[in-house]
Amino acid sequence: LGGYGTEGDMSILMIMFVDASDNVDYTTDFNYVQGPDAAARLNITSLQFSSVTGRVPLGTVYVVLKVVSFQQVGPYVDGYADQISFVLSQG
């Protein structure tokens, strides 16, 4: 996840755990991964590794991943995302 130069534009990866009744469970503490803002990117255009771990809520039947980009300044939405993966492991 990343953004452009000194602009505060950024992206968030939303993680939605959905049950059999199509209800989204928002009770987990890892429902999103926030990309770096301009200060965290040292005011340069870049993508930075971001991750989150946790347990899939009981009753989940599918997961929806959604990237949302935000524009704070400038004429373009410069929140970036690349090489997104979602890994499940038993444990």
N, C-alpha and C. Protein backbone atom coordinates (compact mmCIF):
# COMPACT_ATOMS: atom_id res chain seq x y z
N LEU A 1 0.85 -1.17 0.00
CA LEU A 1 0.00 0.00 0.00
C LEU A 1 0.89 1.23 0.00
N GLY A 2 0.43 2.30 -0.60
CA GLY A 2 1.27 3.49 -0.64
C GLY A 2 0.56 4.69 -1.23
N GLY A 3 1.38 5.68 -1.60
CA GLY A 3 0.84 6.91 -2.12
C GLY A 3 1.89 7.72 -2.85
N TYR A 4 1.51 8.96 -3.18
CA TYR A 4 2.31 9.82 -4.04
C TYR A 4 2.96 10.96 -3.26
N GLY A 5 4.27 11.00 -3.27
CA GLY A 5 5.04 12.11 -2.75
C GLY A 5 4.58 12.65 -1.40
N THR A 6 4.44 13.97 -1.34
CA THR A 6 4.05 14.62 -0.09
C THR A 6 2.54 14.64 0.11
N GLU A 7 1.80 14.15 -0.88
CA GLU A 7 0.35 14.14 -0.75
C GLU A 7 -0.09 13.11 0.29
N GLY A 8 -1.12 13.42 1.02
CA GLY A 8 -1.63 12.52 2.05
C GLY A 8 -2.52 11.41 1.53
N ASP A 9 -2.65 11.30 0.20
CA ASP A 9 -3.48 10.24 -0.38
C ASP A 9 -2.93 8.89 0.06
N MET A 10 -3.83 7.94 0.31
CA MET A 10 -3.40 6.61 0.74
C MET A 10 -4.51 5.61 0.47
N SER A 11 -4.20 4.34 0.70
CA SER A 11 -5.18 3.26 0.51
C SER A 11 -5.34 2.47 1.80
N ILE A 12 -6.51 1.87 1.92
CA ILE A 12 -6.82 0.96 3.02
C ILE A 12 -7.34 -0.33 2.40
N LEU A 13 -6.89 -1.46 2.90
CA LEU A 13 -7.43 -2.75 2.50
C LEU A 13 -8.44 -3.16 3.56
N MET A 14 -9.70 -3.25 3.16
CA MET A 14 -10.76 -3.68 4.08
C MET A 14 -10.89 -5.20 3.98
N ILE A 15 -11.06 -5.85 5.13
CA ILE A 15 -11.21 -7.30 5.20
C ILE A 15 -12.56 -7.57 5.85
N MET A 16 -13.48 -8.13 5.06
CA MET A 16 -14.83 -8.35 5.55
C MET A 16 -15.12 -9.85 5.65
N PHE A 17 -15.41 -10.30 6.86
CA PHE A 17 -15.74 -11.70 7.12
C PHE A 17 -17.26 -11.83 7.11
N VAL A 18 -17.78 -12.64 6.21
CA VAL A 18 -19.22 -12.71 5.98
C VAL A 18 -19.75 -14.09 6.38
N ASP A 19 -20.89 -14.10 7.11
CA ASP A 19 -21.48 -15.37 7.54
C ASP A 19 -22.53 -15.85 6.54
N ALA A 20 -23.18 -16.96 6.85
CA ALA A 20 -24.15 -17.58 5.95
C ALA A 20 -25.36 -16.70 5.66
N SER A 21 -25.64 -15.73 6.53
CA SER A 21 -26.76 -14.81 6.32
C SER A 21 -26.33 -13.51 5.64
N ASP A 22 -25.11 -13.49 5.11
CA ASP A 22 -24.52 -12.31 4.46
C ASP A 22 -24.31 -11.13 5.41
N ASN A 23 -24.14 -11.42 6.70
CA ASN A 23 -23.80 -10.38 7.67
C ASN A 23 -22.29 -10.29 7.79
N VAL A 24 -21.77 -9.06 7.82
CA VAL A 24 -20.34 -8.84 7.98
C VAL A 24 -20.02 -8.75 9.46
N ASP A 25 -18.99 -9.49 9.89
CA ASP A 25 -18.55 -9.48 11.29
C ASP A 25 -17.47 -8.41 11.45
N TYR A 26 -17.80 -7.35 12.18
CA TYR A 26 -16.85 -6.27 12.42
C TYR A 26 -16.24 -6.34 13.82
N THR A 27 -16.35 -7.48 14.50
CA THR A 27 -15.88 -7.58 15.88
C THR A 27 -14.40 -7.90 15.98
N THR A 28 -13.76 -8.29 14.88
CA THR A 28 -12.33 -8.60 14.95
C THR A 28 -11.53 -7.31 15.03
N ASP A 29 -10.30 -7.42 15.50
CA ASP A 29 -9.46 -6.24 15.61
C ASP A 29 -8.57 -6.07 14.37
N PHE A 30 -8.87 -6.81 13.31
CA PHE A 30 -8.08 -6.68 12.09
C PHE A 30 -8.97 -6.62 10.85
N ASN A 31 -9.95 -5.74 10.88
CA ASN A 31 -10.87 -5.59 9.75
C ASN A 31 -10.30 -4.72 8.63
N TYR A 32 -9.13 -4.16 8.84
CA TYR A 32 -8.52 -3.36 7.78
C TYR A 32 -7.01 -3.27 7.98
N VAL A 33 -6.33 -2.97 6.89
CA VAL A 33 -4.90 -2.68 6.91
C VAL A 33 -4.75 -1.29 6.31
N GLN A 34 -4.22 -0.37 7.08
CA GLN A 34 -4.07 1.00 6.60
C GLN A 34 -2.70 1.19 5.99
N GLY A 35 -2.68 1.77 4.80
CA GLY A 35 -1.41 2.07 4.14
C GLY A 35 -0.73 3.26 4.79
N PRO A 36 0.53 3.47 4.45
CA PRO A 36 1.29 4.57 5.05
C PRO A 36 0.85 5.93 4.52
N ASP A 37 0.85 6.91 5.41
CA ASP A 37 0.59 8.28 4.97
C ASP A 37 1.91 8.87 4.45
N ALA A 38 1.87 10.13 4.01
CA ALA A 38 3.05 10.75 3.42
C ALA A 38 4.24 10.76 4.37
N ALA A 39 4.01 11.05 5.64
CA ALA A 39 5.11 11.09 6.60
C ALA A 39 5.75 9.71 6.77
N ALA A 40 4.94 8.67 6.82
CA ALA A 40 5.47 7.31 6.96
C ALA A 40 6.24 6.88 5.71
N ARG A 41 5.90 7.45 4.56
CA ARG A 41 6.62 7.17 3.31
C ARG A 41 7.81 8.10 3.13
N LEU A 42 8.11 8.92 4.13
CA LEU A 42 9.17 9.92 4.05
C LEU A 42 8.95 10.89 2.88
N ASN A 43 7.68 11.17 2.61
CA ASN A 43 7.27 12.11 1.56
C ASN A 43 7.76 11.73 0.17
N ILE A 44 7.92 10.44 -0.08
CA ILE A 44 8.29 9.97 -1.41
C ILE A 44 7.19 9.04 -1.94
N THR A 45 7.10 8.95 -3.24
CA THR A 45 6.15 8.02 -3.86
C THR A 45 6.67 6.61 -3.64
N SER A 46 5.89 5.78 -2.96
CA SER A 46 6.35 4.42 -2.69
C SER A 46 5.20 3.53 -2.28
N LEU A 47 5.47 2.24 -2.36
CA LEU A 47 4.61 1.21 -1.81
C LEU A 47 5.36 0.60 -0.65
N GLN A 48 4.68 0.33 0.46
CA GLN A 48 5.32 -0.27 1.62
C GLN A 48 4.55 -1.50 2.05
N PHE A 49 5.30 -2.49 2.52
CA PHE A 49 4.69 -3.72 3.00
C PHE A 49 3.84 -3.42 4.23
N SER A 50 2.64 -3.95 4.24
CA SER A 50 1.74 -3.83 5.38
C SER A 50 1.12 -5.20 5.61
N SER A 51 0.89 -5.55 6.87
CA SER A 51 0.27 -6.85 7.14
C SER A 51 -0.53 -6.79 8.43
N VAL A 52 -1.36 -7.80 8.60
CA VAL A 52 -2.15 -7.95 9.81
C VAL A 52 -2.39 -9.44 10.00
N THR A 53 -2.49 -9.87 11.24
CA THR A 53 -2.78 -11.28 11.53
C THR A 53 -3.91 -11.36 12.54
N GLY A 54 -4.60 -12.48 12.52
CA GLY A 54 -5.68 -12.70 13.47
C GLY A 54 -6.43 -13.96 13.13
N ARG A 55 -7.47 -14.22 13.87
CA ARG A 55 -8.30 -15.41 13.66
C ARG A 55 -9.56 -15.06 12.88
N VAL A 56 -9.92 -15.95 11.98
CA VAL A 56 -11.16 -15.78 11.22
C VAL A 56 -12.32 -16.03 12.18
N PRO A 57 -13.31 -15.14 12.23
CA PRO A 57 -14.44 -15.31 13.14
C PRO A 57 -15.21 -16.61 12.85
N LEU A 58 -15.66 -17.24 13.91
CA LEU A 58 -16.47 -18.45 13.80
C LEU A 58 -17.72 -18.14 12.98
N GLY A 59 -18.07 -19.02 12.07
CA GLY A 59 -19.26 -18.83 11.24
C GLY A 59 -18.99 -18.14 9.91
N THR A 60 -17.76 -17.74 9.67
CA THR A 60 -17.43 -17.10 8.40
C THR A 60 -17.54 -18.11 7.26
N VAL A 61 -18.24 -17.72 6.19
CA VAL A 61 -18.35 -18.60 5.02
C VAL A 61 -17.58 -18.04 3.81
N TYR A 62 -17.35 -16.73 3.80
CA TYR A 62 -16.47 -16.18 2.78
C TYR A 62 -15.90 -14.85 3.25
N VAL A 63 -14.86 -14.41 2.56
CA VAL A 63 -14.15 -13.18 2.91
C VAL A 63 -14.14 -12.27 1.69
N VAL A 64 -14.40 -10.99 1.92
CA VAL A 64 -14.34 -9.99 0.86
C VAL A 64 -13.17 -9.05 1.17
N LEU A 65 -12.29 -8.87 0.20
CA LEU A 65 -11.19 -7.91 0.31
C LEU A 65 -11.51 -6.73 -0.59
N LYS A 66 -11.39 -5.53 -0.05
CA LYS A 66 -11.74 -4.34 -0.82
C LYS A 66 -10.69 -3.26 -0.57
N VAL A 67 -10.12 -2.74 -1.64
CA VAL A 67 -9.16 -1.65 -1.53
C VAL A 67 -9.91 -0.33 -1.72
N VAL A 68 -9.73 0.57 -0.77
CA VAL A 68 -10.33 1.90 -0.84
C VAL A 68 -9.20 2.92 -0.83
N SER A 69 -9.18 3.79 -1.83
CA SER A 69 -8.16 4.83 -1.91
C SER A 69 -8.77 6.18 -1.55
N PHE A 70 -8.00 6.98 -0.84
CA PHE A 70 -8.47 8.28 -0.37
C PHE A 70 -7.63 9.40 -0.97
N GLN A 71 -8.31 10.47 -1.34
CA GLN A 71 -7.66 11.66 -1.89
C GLN A 71 -7.75 12.78 -0.86
N GLN A 72 -6.59 13.33 -0.48
CA GLN A 72 -6.59 14.47 0.43
C GLN A 72 -6.26 15.77 -0.29
N VAL A 73 -5.35 15.69 -1.26
CA VAL A 73 -4.98 16.89 -2.03
C VAL A 73 -4.72 16.51 -3.47
N GLY A 74 -4.64 17.53 -4.32
CA GLY A 74 -4.30 17.30 -5.72
C GLY A 74 -5.50 16.86 -6.55
N PRO A 75 -5.30 16.82 -7.87
CA PRO A 75 -6.40 16.49 -8.77
C PRO A 75 -6.68 15.00 -8.92
N TYR A 76 -5.81 14.14 -8.40
CA TYR A 76 -5.95 12.70 -8.61
C TYR A 76 -5.98 11.96 -7.28
N VAL A 77 -6.60 10.80 -7.29
CA VAL A 77 -6.57 9.90 -6.13
C VAL A 77 -5.30 9.07 -6.26
N ASP A 78 -4.34 9.33 -5.41
CA ASP A 78 -3.04 8.66 -5.50
C ASP A 78 -2.79 7.69 -4.35
N GLY A 79 -3.81 6.97 -3.95
CA GLY A 79 -3.62 5.88 -3.00
C GLY A 79 -3.36 4.62 -3.80
N TYR A 80 -2.25 3.93 -3.53
CA TYR A 80 -1.84 2.81 -4.36
C TYR A 80 -1.91 1.49 -3.60
N ALA A 81 -2.09 0.41 -4.37
CA ALA A 81 -2.07 -0.95 -3.81
C ALA A 81 -1.53 -1.89 -4.88
N ASP A 82 -0.76 -2.88 -4.46
CA ASP A 82 -0.18 -3.84 -5.39
C ASP A 82 0.14 -5.12 -4.64
N GLN A 83 0.09 -6.24 -5.33
CA GLN A 83 0.47 -7.55 -4.81
C GLN A 83 -0.22 -7.87 -3.48
N ILE A 84 -1.52 -7.78 -3.47
CA ILE A 84 -2.30 -8.09 -2.27
C ILE A 84 -2.50 -9.59 -2.18
N SER A 85 -2.28 -10.13 -1.00
CA SER A 85 -2.54 -11.56 -0.79
C SER A 85 -3.26 -11.75 0.54
N PHE A 86 -4.03 -12.81 0.60
CA PHE A 86 -4.76 -13.19 1.81
C PHE A 86 -4.43 -14.65 2.06
N VAL A 87 -3.78 -14.93 3.17
CA VAL A 87 -3.28 -16.27 3.45
C VAL A 87 -3.99 -16.84 4.67
N LEU A 88 -4.54 -18.02 4.52
CA LEU A 88 -5.15 -18.74 5.64
C LEU A 88 -4.25 -19.90 6.03
N SER A 89 -4.10 -20.11 7.32
CA SER A 89 -3.34 -21.27 7.79
C SER A 89 -4.03 -21.84 9.01
N GLN A 90 -3.88 -23.12 9.18
CA GLN A 90 -4.51 -23.79 10.32
C GLN A 90 -3.68 -23.52 11.56
N GLY A 91 -4.35 -23.25 12.64
CA GLY A 91 -3.57 -23.01 13.84
C GLY A 91 -4.44 -22.60 14.94
